[in-house]
Amino acid sequence: MFMATIAGNLGADAEVRNTPSGQVVCSFRVGASVGFGERKKTEWVTCSKWGKGAEGVAPHLTKGTKVVVVGEFSTREWTNSQGETKTSLEIRVSELEFTGGGQGAGQARQQTPSQRAQTPPAEGFDDDVPF
């Protein structure tokens, strides 16, 4: 198993579907820049978020949204309609962070703090700093 982290923009709105076994999966493509100068290009990575979080995150994954994705990395070979063998890069998402952009990104950032676990301040903690 290879873990990967990529940062980039969504090329289209995410799609949610159910597998024949009833699992929910949210799929989206992230364009990540690689290389420098004249050799700089965009590589497209297909990402999939499985399970409970898939449906909830999908409305916020709109075209142009900037994200950082962490997950299990793999490649998949397939044959297109012209008979050519193609390879695609794929990540099964374990962590997803919104970094800005896109139509739904502002809404997602507003919801992020409420989704985080709230830790009460330590007993005797004083917000007044004497210096």
Foldseek 3Di string as FASTA:
>chain_A
DDKDKFKAWWQFQWDWDADPVGKIKIKTKGWGWDDDDPPIDTAIEIEIEIHDCRVVCRVLRGGGWIKMFMADKDKDWDADPVRDIDIHIYGYGPDMDTDDTDDRSVVVVVCVVVPDDDDDDDPPDDPDDPD
